[in-house]
Amino acid sequence: MSTEAAMTGTVGASAEARKTFAVCFAALVATSFCFILRAFSIDAWGVEFGLTETQKGELFGVGLWPFAISIVLLSLIIDKIGFKMTLWFAAASHIIGFILLVQADGYWGLYWGSFVLSLGNGAVEAGINPLIAREFRHDKTTWLNRLHAGWPAGFVIGGILALALPGDMSWRMKMALMLIPVVTYIVMLLPRAFPESERVAAGVTYREMLAEAGFVSAFIVAVLMVLELGRVFGWSSTVEWVLIAAITIGYGLWARSPGKPLFIVMALVMIPLAVTELGTDGWITAMMTPAMAEIGLSGGWVLIYAMALVLVLRLFAGPLVHKFSPIGLLAVSAAIAAVGLVMLSKTAGVMLLVAATVYGVGKAFFWPTSLGVVAEQSPKGGAITLNVVAGIGMLAAGIVGSPVIGGVQDAAMVKHIAEYDATNGTQLSAAVTAEKDGMFGKYTAVNPEMRAMISGDQKAVVDRIDAESKLEALRTIAILPVLMLLVYLGLALYFRSRGGYKPVVLELKK
């Protein structure tokens, strides 16, 4: 493999491989359409159905964590059913999820529509990640970055379309835009035939694949997934931990391995990574709306601009991947992301553009480069290692990240309103706050219906506190990329002690 070929990413890029890439790219665009259109609709849901910030966080979260159910479970059987059947399952989930959402009449209708859509999103990634790793096996990180440019591409296109529509248009009509990319990838999928996975072609056994991920990663997935399912279905703690133990022990008996240590580290660091990237993305619009309103623009433009930057950076990631190595690139990205989040929380006016640029550069390579490291260092893990690490990321963003960010906002608002009452001798807390039930038990939050009843100076005070609380949440999230930076620096030292970062390449037997 020549240096020039590696730098340009042309290794293994046959005509058939490029056609496969196009289908996978289009399917990923559809998933981000679903994501951005839901993000733009959450505030409308809050108004129409009287939702708290925490409830909106839970609805945003259910657009993420069921992803892990389909991506992990399909990974166990994807080599049997094939990549094409996996993508057909995704298409069916996208259509059904859309129907459920537009017919929703309350919180739970929105919840289950989002749940099914998320299953479809997980099915897409369950298929496309190992498929692209197979087709471009000599330059996985570069091509996985290019593939995941489809995520910001969908954000940009879907976001611009949504913002271009009349502001008073129904959110249901805006959600219908998701059918455009879904139908597109269905049409592209029809004539395609896909190869078998790299793991199968290399003759790696099923048990060897399971051993790469190991029972430690099974435990992480089980804890995150079962605790959320227990919240939804009202299971007792005993039932939850029996299920967690059964899943972990069952996988352990099957795999007979705790997992490859490097993979376990990458799986764990995906938790703060996903909250930093996906959790923040879902809240940027609402958080930045007050500041952007001062310069006459919708808060959604901050997210669209940042995503357009991510799109370009991922498409041309190859030279950076080969210059810094995947681990080096992750370390640099974590440092930049931390600075960007703090800047977003402290700037206003036109300086928001600078802050959004720093944030966009920082988060651009997180997800696909992490997948690239896993694909290059644990190729025997096949679909399992690639998709388990992605599943853990989505679980963390959906179950922990989104509700916690919403909870930070609720708690900050309640605290600052109480401080205002203490200073001014008012009773604003009694007028706008109420006790609610949430994922982590009972909590106090601003009630949207009560808030809608206040006016004048009281309304101005609550609006100001709301804007400050949103920015406070951004500053809190900035802690996470700092923790990630420490992990990546440790991994960089590890690889340096072994002579530098080198991908593990399997020899294909078929």
Protein backbone atom coordinates (compact mmCIF):
# COMPACT_ATOMS: atom_id res chain seq x y z
CA MET A 1 0.00 0.00 0.00
CA SER A 2 1.58 3.27 -1.07
CA THR A 3 1.64 6.36 1.10
CA GLU A 4 -0.18 8.31 -1.59
CA ALA A 5 -2.94 5.72 -1.75
CA ALA A 6 -3.34 5.74 2.00
CA MET A 7 -3.50 9.53 2.15
CA THR A 8 -6.15 9.77 -0.56
CA GLY A 9 -8.20 6.85 0.66
CA THR A 10 -8.25 5.16 -2.73
CA VAL A 11 -7.19 1.74 -1.47
CA GLY A 12 -9.86 -0.84 -2.27
CA ALA A 13 -12.22 1.77 -3.72
CA SER A 14 -13.61 -0.34 -6.55
CA ALA A 15 -16.69 0.70 -8.52
CA GLU A 16 -18.83 -1.81 -6.62
CA ALA A 17 -17.45 -0.63 -3.31
CA ARG A 18 -18.31 2.96 -4.17
CA LYS A 19 -21.89 1.96 -5.08
CA THR A 20 -22.18 0.20 -1.74
CA PHE A 21 -20.82 3.32 -0.05
CA ALA A 22 -23.49 5.45 -1.77
CA VAL A 23 -26.33 3.27 -0.41
CA CYS A 24 -24.87 3.33 3.10
CA PHE A 25 -24.34 7.10 2.94
CA ALA A 26 -27.95 7.69 1.84
CA ALA A 27 -29.30 5.48 4.64
CA LEU A 28 -27.28 7.41 7.22
CA VAL A 29 -28.61 10.71 5.83
CA ALA A 30 -32.12 9.37 6.52
CA THR A 31 -31.28 8.66 10.16
CA SER A 32 -30.05 12.19 10.77
CA PHE A 33 -33.13 13.61 9.03
CA CYS A 34 -35.16 11.78 11.68
CA PHE A 35 -32.93 13.19 14.42
CA ILE A 36 -32.90 16.84 13.36
CA LEU A 37 -36.61 17.00 12.55
CA ARG A 38 -37.42 15.58 15.97
CA ALA A 39 -35.01 18.05 17.60
CA PHE A 40 -36.77 20.92 15.82
CA SER A 41 -40.18 19.57 16.90
CA ILE A 42 -39.52 19.01 20.61
CA ASP A 43 -40.37 22.57 21.65
CA ALA A 44 -43.64 22.33 19.68
CA TRP A 45 -44.40 19.07 21.46
CA GLY A 46 -43.78 20.81 24.77
CA VAL A 47 -46.31 23.53 23.96
CA GLU A 48 -48.95 21.21 22.48
CA PHE A 49 -48.74 18.53 25.18
CA GLY A 50 -47.57 20.54 28.24
CA LEU A 51 -44.18 18.83 28.69
CA THR A 52 -41.43 19.80 31.17
CA GLU A 53 -37.81 20.18 30.11
CA THR A 54 -37.06 16.79 31.67
CA GLN A 55 -39.92 15.13 29.77
CA LYS A 56 -38.62 16.68 26.57
CA GLY A 57 -35.20 15.31 27.49
CA GLU A 58 -36.71 11.85 27.93
CA LEU A 59 -38.41 12.09 24.53
CA PHE A 60 -35.17 13.18 22.97
CA GLY A 61 -33.45 10.30 24.73
CA VAL A 62 -35.84 7.66 23.40
CA GLY A 63 -34.81 8.81 19.96
CA LEU A 64 -31.33 7.49 20.87
CA TRP A 65 -31.24 4.56 23.29
CA PRO A 66 -33.48 2.04 21.40
CA PHE A 67 -30.84 2.38 18.69
CA ALA A 68 -28.75 0.10 20.90
CA ILE A 69 -31.40 -2.62 21.00
CA SER A 70 -31.44 -3.05 17.23
CA ILE A 71 -27.75 -2.41 16.61
CA VAL A 72 -26.63 -4.93 19.25
CA LEU A 73 -29.22 -7.64 18.60
CA LEU A 74 -28.84 -7.40 14.83
CA SER A 75 -25.07 -7.65 15.21
CA LEU A 76 -25.56 -11.12 16.68
CA ILE A 77 -27.35 -12.34 13.56
CA ILE A 78 -26.26 -9.99 10.79
CA ASP A 79 -23.84 -12.53 9.32
CA LYS A 80 -26.77 -14.93 8.99
CA ILE A 81 -29.45 -12.60 7.62
CA GLY A 82 -27.08 -10.42 5.56
CA PHE A 83 -26.57 -6.69 5.21
CA LYS A 84 -29.46 -6.19 2.79
CA MET A 85 -32.10 -7.70 5.08
CA THR A 86 -30.78 -5.54 7.90
CA LEU A 87 -31.32 -2.39 5.85
CA TRP A 88 -34.82 -3.54 4.87
CA PHE A 89 -35.65 -3.82 8.57
CA ALA A 90 -34.39 -0.26 8.99
CA ALA A 91 -36.62 1.01 6.19
CA ALA A 92 -39.72 -0.65 7.68
CA SER A 93 -38.97 0.86 11.09
CA HIS A 94 -38.58 4.33 9.62
CA ILE A 95 -41.95 4.15 7.87
CA ILE A 96 -43.81 2.72 10.89
CA GLY A 97 -42.14 5.16 13.31
CA PHE A 98 -43.19 8.11 11.16
CA ILE A 99 -46.82 6.92 11.14
CA LEU A 100 -46.86 6.52 14.93
CA LEU A 101 -45.38 9.99 15.49
CA VAL A 102 -47.78 11.92 13.30
CA GLN A 103 -50.73 10.16 14.94
CA ALA A 104 -49.48 10.84 18.50
CA ASP A 105 -51.90 12.52 20.93
CA GLY A 106 -49.62 12.83 23.96
CA TYR A 107 -46.35 11.92 25.66
CA TRP A 108 -46.57 8.16 25.15
CA GLY A 109 -47.59 8.41 21.50
CA LEU A 110 -44.51 10.55 20.89
CA TYR A 111 -42.45 8.14 22.98
CA TRP A 112 -43.31 4.99 21.01
CA GLY A 113 -43.06 6.71 17.63
CA SER A 114 -39.58 7.90 18.56
CA PHE A 115 -38.75 4.41 19.86
CA VAL A 116 -39.52 2.71 16.54
CA LEU A 117 -37.69 5.39 14.55
CA SER A 118 -34.66 4.80 16.75
CA LEU A 119 -34.82 1.05 16.10
CA GLY A 120 -34.57 1.88 12.40
CA ASN A 121 -31.60 4.17 12.98
CA GLY A 122 -29.83 1.42 14.90
CA ALA A 123 -30.50 -1.07 12.13
CA VAL A 124 -28.92 1.29 9.61
CA GLU A 125 -25.69 1.55 11.60
CA ALA A 126 -25.74 -2.18 12.38
CA GLY A 127 -25.41 -2.78 8.64
CA ILE A 128 -23.39 0.11 7.27
CA ASN A 129 -20.48 0.19 9.76
CA PRO A 130 -19.24 -3.40 9.25
CA LEU A 131 -20.11 -3.22 5.55
CA ILE A 132 -17.88 -0.19 4.94
CA ALA A 133 -15.15 -1.68 7.16
CA ARG A 134 -15.31 -4.75 4.88
CA GLU A 135 -15.26 -2.87 1.58
CA PHE A 136 -12.46 -0.48 2.59
CA ARG A 137 -10.57 -2.75 4.96
CA HIS A 138 -7.13 -1.20 4.31
CA ASP A 139 -8.19 2.34 5.26
CA LYS A 140 -11.11 1.91 7.64
CA THR A 141 -10.86 5.09 9.68
CA THR A 142 -10.75 7.33 6.61
CA TRP A 143 -13.77 5.69 5.00
CA LEU A 144 -15.77 5.49 8.21
CA ASN A 145 -15.23 9.24 8.59
CA ARG A 146 -16.45 9.74 5.02
CA LEU A 147 -19.44 7.49 5.65
CA HIS A 148 -20.39 9.39 8.79
CA ALA A 149 -20.35 12.64 6.86
CA GLY A 150 -23.85 11.40 5.97
CA TRP A 151 -24.96 12.23 9.52
CA PRO A 152 -24.20 15.99 9.34
CA ALA A 153 -25.33 16.03 5.70
CA GLY A 154 -28.81 15.00 6.81
CA PHE A 155 -28.71 17.57 9.60
CA VAL A 156 -27.84 20.37 7.21
CA ILE A 157 -30.33 19.46 4.49
CA GLY A 158 -33.15 18.57 6.87
CA GLY A 159 -32.49 21.58 9.09
CA ILE A 160 -32.47 24.06 6.21
CA LEU A 161 -35.68 22.59 4.81
CA ALA A 162 -37.36 22.76 8.23
CA LEU A 163 -36.26 26.37 8.82
CA ALA A 164 -37.32 27.39 5.31
CA LEU A 165 -40.90 26.26 5.94
CA PRO A 166 -43.42 28.71 7.47
CA GLY A 167 -43.00 29.04 11.24
CA ASP A 168 -46.68 28.29 11.85
CA MET A 169 -46.59 25.06 9.85
CA SER A 170 -47.57 21.98 11.85
CA TRP A 171 -44.69 19.92 13.25
CA ARG A 172 -46.39 16.90 11.71
CA MET A 173 -45.97 18.38 8.25
CA LYS A 174 -42.31 19.13 8.95
CA MET A 175 -41.73 15.55 10.15
CA ALA A 176 -43.01 14.35 6.76
CA LEU A 177 -39.75 15.64 5.24
CA MET A 178 -38.03 12.51 6.58
CA LEU A 179 -39.80 10.45 3.94
CA ILE A 180 -37.63 12.04 1.22
CA PRO A 181 -34.32 10.39 2.26
CA VAL A 182 -36.04 7.20 3.44
CA VAL A 183 -37.63 6.59 0.04
CA THR A 184 -34.32 7.54 -1.63
CA TYR A 185 -32.27 4.87 0.13
CA ILE A 186 -35.03 2.28 -0.38
CA VAL A 187 -34.84 2.87 -4.15
CA MET A 188 -31.04 2.68 -4.10
CA LEU A 189 -31.15 -0.51 -2.03
CA LEU A 190 -33.34 -2.47 -4.43
CA PRO A 191 -30.70 -3.52 -7.02
CA ARG A 192 -27.72 -3.86 -4.68
CA ALA A 193 -25.97 -7.08 -3.63
CA PHE A 194 -23.55 -6.97 -0.71
CA PRO A 195 -20.53 -9.16 0.15
CA GLU A 196 -20.20 -11.26 3.27
CA SER A 197 -18.56 -9.65 6.29
CA GLU A 198 -14.81 -9.35 6.79
CA ARG A 199 -14.99 -11.64 9.81
CA VAL A 200 -16.67 -14.43 7.85
CA ALA A 201 -14.40 -13.97 4.83
CA ALA A 202 -11.34 -14.25 7.09
CA GLY A 203 -12.57 -17.47 8.67
CA VAL A 204 -12.87 -16.02 12.18
CA THR A 205 -15.30 -18.14 14.22
CA TYR A 206 -18.45 -16.80 15.82
CA ARG A 207 -17.09 -17.41 19.32
CA GLU A 208 -13.85 -15.56 18.49
CA MET A 209 -15.97 -12.60 17.43
CA LEU A 210 -17.92 -12.64 20.70
CA ALA A 211 -14.69 -12.96 22.70
CA GLU A 212 -13.31 -9.69 21.29
CA ALA A 213 -16.22 -7.76 22.86
CA GLY A 214 -16.43 -9.98 25.95
CA PHE A 215 -18.76 -10.04 28.94
CA VAL A 216 -17.57 -6.67 30.31
CA SER A 217 -19.09 -4.83 27.36
CA ALA A 218 -22.19 -7.06 27.65
CA PHE A 219 -22.53 -5.89 31.25
CA ILE A 220 -22.26 -2.21 30.24
CA VAL A 221 -24.92 -2.61 27.55
CA ALA A 222 -27.18 -4.62 29.86
CA VAL A 223 -27.03 -2.08 32.69
CA LEU A 224 -27.86 0.87 30.46
CA MET A 225 -30.57 -0.89 28.47
CA VAL A 226 -32.32 -2.86 31.23
CA LEU A 227 -32.50 0.07 33.66
CA GLU A 228 -34.21 2.19 31.01
CA LEU A 229 -36.61 -0.61 30.04
CA GLY A 230 -37.33 -1.07 33.73
CA ARG A 231 -38.26 2.60 34.02
CA VAL A 232 -40.56 2.41 31.02
CA PHE A 233 -42.31 -0.83 32.04
CA GLY A 234 -42.19 -0.35 35.80
CA TRP A 235 -39.97 -3.31 36.66
CA SER A 236 -38.66 -3.70 40.21
CA SER A 237 -34.95 -3.36 40.98
CA THR A 238 -34.80 -7.09 41.61
CA VAL A 239 -36.16 -7.90 38.14
CA GLU A 240 -33.76 -5.41 36.54
CA TRP A 241 -30.64 -6.82 38.18
CA VAL A 242 -31.68 -10.43 37.56
CA LEU A 243 -31.97 -9.58 33.86
CA ILE A 244 -28.63 -7.75 33.88
CA ALA A 245 -26.95 -10.73 35.54
CA ALA A 246 -28.58 -13.19 33.14
CA ILE A 247 -27.46 -11.24 30.06
CA THR A 248 -23.91 -10.78 31.36
CA ILE A 249 -23.46 -14.37 32.53
CA GLY A 250 -25.08 -15.79 29.40
CA TYR A 251 -22.81 -13.79 27.14
CA GLY A 252 -19.81 -14.66 29.30
CA LEU A 253 -20.49 -18.39 29.08
CA TRP A 254 -20.86 -18.04 25.31
CA ALA A 255 -17.85 -15.79 24.71
CA ARG A 256 -15.58 -17.16 27.45
CA SER A 257 -13.71 -13.84 27.62
CA PRO A 258 -13.95 -10.50 29.46
CA GLY A 259 -13.10 -8.78 26.19
CA LYS A 260 -10.05 -7.20 24.65
CA PRO A 261 -8.78 -4.50 27.09
CA LEU A 262 -8.36 -1.84 24.40
CA PHE A 263 -11.90 -2.44 23.22
CA ILE A 264 -13.28 -2.11 26.76
CA VAL A 265 -11.52 1.26 27.12
CA MET A 266 -12.98 2.47 23.81
CA ALA A 267 -16.44 1.26 24.85
CA LEU A 268 -16.29 3.11 28.18
CA VAL A 269 -15.03 6.36 26.70
CA MET A 270 -17.95 6.30 24.24
CA ILE A 271 -20.23 7.22 27.16
CA PRO A 272 -18.88 10.77 27.70
CA LEU A 273 -18.19 11.07 23.95
CA ALA A 274 -21.81 10.41 22.98
CA VAL A 275 -23.18 12.73 25.65
CA THR A 276 -20.79 15.47 24.49
CA GLU A 277 -21.72 15.08 20.82
CA LEU A 278 -25.26 13.74 20.53
CA GLY A 279 -26.65 14.92 23.84
CA THR A 280 -25.49 18.46 23.16
CA ASP A 281 -26.64 18.43 19.54
CA GLY A 282 -30.20 17.76 20.58
CA TRP A 283 -30.26 20.73 22.95
CA ILE A 284 -28.19 23.30 21.02
CA THR A 285 -31.24 24.72 19.21
CA ALA A 286 -33.19 25.46 22.39
CA MET A 287 -30.10 26.58 24.32
CA MET A 288 -28.93 29.08 21.74
CA THR A 289 -32.34 30.45 20.69
CA PRO A 290 -32.31 33.43 23.12
CA ALA A 291 -28.81 34.54 22.10
CA MET A 292 -29.49 34.07 18.39
CA ALA A 293 -32.76 35.99 18.68
CA GLU A 294 -30.71 39.05 19.64
CA ILE A 295 -29.13 39.04 16.16
CA GLY A 296 -32.39 38.14 14.41
CA LEU A 297 -31.71 34.45 13.64
CA SER A 298 -33.19 31.13 14.72
CA GLY A 299 -31.11 29.10 17.21
CA GLY A 300 -31.26 26.22 14.74
CA TRP A 301 -28.74 27.99 12.51
CA VAL A 302 -26.00 27.43 15.11
CA LEU A 303 -26.46 23.68 14.86
CA ILE A 304 -26.77 23.72 11.07
CA TYR A 305 -23.60 25.75 10.69
CA ALA A 306 -21.67 23.47 13.06
CA MET A 307 -22.92 20.41 11.21
CA ALA A 308 -21.97 21.83 7.81
CA LEU A 309 -18.46 22.22 9.16
CA VAL A 310 -18.48 18.62 10.44
CA LEU A 311 -19.66 17.43 7.02
CA VAL A 312 -16.69 19.00 5.24
CA LEU A 313 -14.15 17.89 7.83
CA ARG A 314 -15.28 14.26 7.76
CA LEU A 315 -15.24 14.08 3.97
CA PHE A 316 -11.61 15.18 3.97
CA ALA A 317 -10.49 13.38 7.16
CA GLY A 318 -7.96 11.10 5.46
CA PRO A 319 -4.87 13.34 5.64
CA LEU A 320 -5.56 14.19 9.31
CA VAL A 321 -6.07 10.52 10.22
CA HIS A 322 -2.71 9.60 8.70
CA LYS A 323 -0.88 12.64 10.07
CA PHE A 324 -2.00 12.40 13.71
CA SER A 325 -3.08 8.72 13.88
CA PRO A 326 -6.67 7.98 14.95
CA ILE A 327 -5.83 8.23 18.67
CA GLY A 328 -3.95 11.50 18.21
CA LEU A 329 -6.86 12.94 16.25
CA LEU A 330 -9.28 11.97 19.04
CA ALA A 331 -7.09 13.68 21.66
CA VAL A 332 -6.87 16.91 19.68
CA SER A 333 -10.64 16.82 19.05
CA ALA A 334 -11.45 16.38 22.75
CA ALA A 335 -9.39 19.43 23.70
CA ILE A 336 -11.01 21.58 21.03
CA ALA A 337 -14.53 20.39 21.92
CA ALA A 338 -14.10 21.36 25.58
CA VAL A 339 -13.03 24.87 24.58
CA GLY A 340 -15.89 25.13 22.08
CA LEU A 341 -18.59 24.22 24.60
CA VAL A 342 -17.34 26.78 27.12
CA MET A 343 -17.19 29.42 24.37
CA LEU A 344 -20.77 28.64 23.29
CA SER A 345 -21.96 29.15 26.85
CA LYS A 346 -20.21 32.51 27.30
CA THR A 347 -20.44 34.30 23.95
CA ALA A 348 -23.22 36.27 22.31
CA GLY A 349 -23.98 38.02 19.04
CA VAL A 350 -21.71 37.41 16.08
CA MET A 351 -19.11 35.74 18.32
CA LEU A 352 -21.47 32.75 18.44
CA LEU A 353 -20.26 31.97 14.93
CA VAL A 354 -16.68 31.66 16.19
CA ALA A 355 -17.77 29.53 19.15
CA ALA A 356 -19.85 27.26 16.91
CA THR A 357 -16.84 26.85 14.61
CA VAL A 358 -14.61 25.70 17.48
CA TYR A 359 -17.30 23.32 18.75
CA GLY A 360 -17.89 21.90 15.27
CA VAL A 361 -14.19 21.27 14.66
CA GLY A 362 -13.88 19.60 18.05
CA LYS A 363 -16.71 17.13 17.67
CA ALA A 364 -16.26 16.40 13.96
CA PHE A 365 -14.12 13.27 14.21
CA PHE A 366 -15.30 11.78 17.52
CA TRP A 367 -17.77 9.13 16.42
CA PRO A 368 -16.32 7.81 13.13
CA THR A 369 -12.72 7.87 14.34
CA SER A 370 -13.69 5.89 17.44
CA LEU A 371 -15.37 3.34 15.18
CA GLY A 372 -12.24 3.33 13.04
CA VAL A 373 -10.02 2.54 16.03
CA VAL A 374 -12.28 -0.36 17.01
CA ALA A 375 -12.46 -1.68 13.44
CA GLU A 376 -8.67 -1.47 13.00
CA GLN A 377 -7.68 -2.84 16.39
CA SER A 378 -10.40 -5.50 16.83
CA PRO A 379 -11.19 -6.75 13.30
CA LYS A 380 -11.94 -10.24 14.63
CA GLY A 381 -14.84 -8.68 16.50
CA GLY A 382 -16.62 -8.02 13.22
CA ALA A 383 -20.06 -6.48 13.59
CA ILE A 384 -20.16 -7.06 17.34
CA THR A 385 -17.27 -4.83 18.39
CA LEU A 386 -18.12 -2.09 15.92
CA ASN A 387 -21.80 -2.00 16.78
CA VAL A 388 -21.54 -2.60 20.52
CA VAL A 389 -19.33 0.46 20.92
CA ALA A 390 -21.80 2.51 18.84
CA GLY A 391 -24.70 1.06 20.82
CA ILE A 392 -23.11 2.00 24.14
CA GLY A 393 -22.65 5.53 22.86
CA MET A 394 -26.29 5.85 21.85
CA LEU A 395 -27.47 4.31 25.12
CA ALA A 396 -25.42 6.78 27.10
CA ALA A 397 -26.60 9.77 25.08
CA GLY A 398 -30.24 8.73 25.29
CA ILE A 399 -30.56 7.32 28.79
CA VAL A 400 -28.07 9.44 30.71
CA GLY A 401 -27.08 12.43 28.61
CA SER A 402 -30.33 13.94 27.39
CA PRO A 403 -32.37 13.61 30.62
CA VAL A 404 -29.41 14.78 32.69
CA ILE A 405 -28.92 17.87 30.51
CA GLY A 406 -32.64 18.55 30.82
CA GLY A 407 -32.42 17.93 34.55
CA VAL A 408 -29.52 20.37 34.88
CA GLN A 409 -31.67 23.01 33.22
CA ASP A 410 -34.70 22.26 35.42
CA ALA A 411 -32.62 22.27 38.61
CA ALA A 412 -30.84 25.49 37.66
CA MET A 413 -34.13 27.24 36.88
CA VAL A 414 -35.71 26.14 40.18
CA LYS A 415 -32.61 27.22 42.11
CA HIS A 416 -32.34 30.65 40.47
CA ILE A 417 -36.07 31.34 40.80
CA ALA A 418 -35.85 30.50 44.52
CA GLU A 419 -32.87 32.86 44.83
CA TYR A 420 -34.86 35.59 43.08
CA ASP A 421 -37.74 35.05 45.53
CA ALA A 422 -35.39 35.25 48.52
CA THR A 423 -33.81 38.47 47.26
CA ASN A 424 -36.99 40.23 46.17
CA GLY A 425 -39.56 38.84 48.61
CA THR A 426 -41.68 37.37 45.80
CA GLN A 427 -43.54 34.04 45.45
CA LEU A 428 -42.52 33.22 41.87
CA SER A 429 -41.58 29.61 42.72
CA ALA A 430 -45.09 28.83 43.90
CA ALA A 431 -46.49 30.34 40.71
CA VAL A 432 -44.45 28.38 38.16
CA THR A 433 -42.90 25.22 39.70
CA ALA A 434 -44.40 21.81 40.47
CA GLU A 435 -43.24 18.31 41.44
CA LYS A 436 -42.84 15.76 38.63
CA ASP A 437 -41.94 12.08 38.26
CA GLY A 438 -38.84 11.31 36.16
CA MET A 439 -36.20 8.69 35.41
CA PHE A 440 -34.32 9.38 38.64
CA GLY A 441 -37.41 9.77 40.83
CA LYS A 442 -39.38 12.86 41.83
CA TYR A 443 -38.03 16.28 40.97
CA THR A 444 -39.20 19.89 40.94
CA ALA A 445 -39.39 21.75 37.65
CA VAL A 446 -40.99 24.74 35.98
CA ASN A 447 -44.44 23.68 34.81
CA PRO A 448 -45.07 24.89 31.22
CA GLU A 449 -48.82 25.40 31.83
CA MET A 450 -48.19 27.43 34.99
CA ARG A 451 -45.45 29.40 33.23
CA ALA A 452 -47.81 30.28 30.40
CA MET A 453 -50.15 31.97 32.89
CA ILE A 454 -47.62 34.56 34.12
CA SER A 455 -46.92 37.85 32.36
CA GLY A 456 -45.16 41.17 32.69
CA ASP A 457 -42.14 41.37 34.97
CA GLN A 458 -42.62 37.80 36.20
CA LYS A 459 -42.48 36.44 32.66
CA ALA A 460 -39.36 38.49 31.89
CA VAL A 461 -37.61 37.13 35.00
CA VAL A 462 -38.45 33.49 34.17
CA ASP A 463 -37.37 33.94 30.53
CA ARG A 464 -34.04 35.38 31.64
CA ILE A 465 -33.44 32.57 34.12
CA ASP A 466 -34.38 30.01 31.46
CA ALA A 467 -31.77 31.39 29.05
CA GLU A 468 -29.07 31.42 31.75
CA SER A 469 -29.90 27.83 32.77
CA LYS A 470 -29.52 26.56 29.23
CA LEU A 471 -26.03 28.03 29.01
CA GLU A 472 -25.16 26.60 32.41
CA ALA A 473 -25.90 23.12 31.04
CA LEU A 474 -23.38 23.66 28.23
CA ARG A 475 -20.67 24.57 30.72
CA THR A 476 -21.42 21.42 32.71
CA ILE A 477 -21.08 19.20 29.62
CA ALA A 478 -17.64 20.73 28.89
CA ILE A 479 -16.23 18.59 31.71
CA LEU A 480 -16.75 15.43 29.65
CA PRO A 481 -14.35 16.09 26.75
CA VAL A 482 -11.68 16.96 29.32
CA LEU A 483 -12.06 13.46 30.79
CA MET A 484 -11.93 12.02 27.26
CA LEU A 485 -8.70 13.89 26.57
CA LEU A 486 -7.04 12.21 29.53
CA VAL A 487 -8.07 8.77 28.26
CA TYR A 488 -6.81 9.44 24.73
CA LEU A 489 -3.48 10.72 26.01
CA GLY A 490 -3.13 7.49 27.99
CA LEU A 491 -3.88 5.43 24.88
CA ALA A 492 -1.38 7.46 22.85
CA LEU A 493 1.32 6.62 25.38
CA TYR A 494 0.29 2.95 25.24
CA PHE A 495 0.66 2.77 21.45
CA ARG A 496 3.90 4.73 21.57
CA SER A 497 5.34 2.10 23.94
CA ARG A 498 4.46 -0.54 21.33
CA GLY A 499 6.13 1.25 18.41
CA GLY A 500 3.22 3.43 17.31
CA TYR A 501 -0.34 2.97 16.15
CA LYS A 502 -0.68 0.14 13.60
CA PRO A 503 -3.96 -1.31 12.27
CA VAL A 504 -4.53 -5.06 12.58
CA VAL A 505 -5.31 -6.48 9.11
CA LEU A 506 -6.99 -9.87 8.66
CA GLU A 507 -6.10 -12.10 5.72
CA LEU A 508 -9.22 -12.99 3.77
CA LYS A 509 -9.66 -16.65 2.90
CA LYS A 510 -12.73 -16.25 0.68
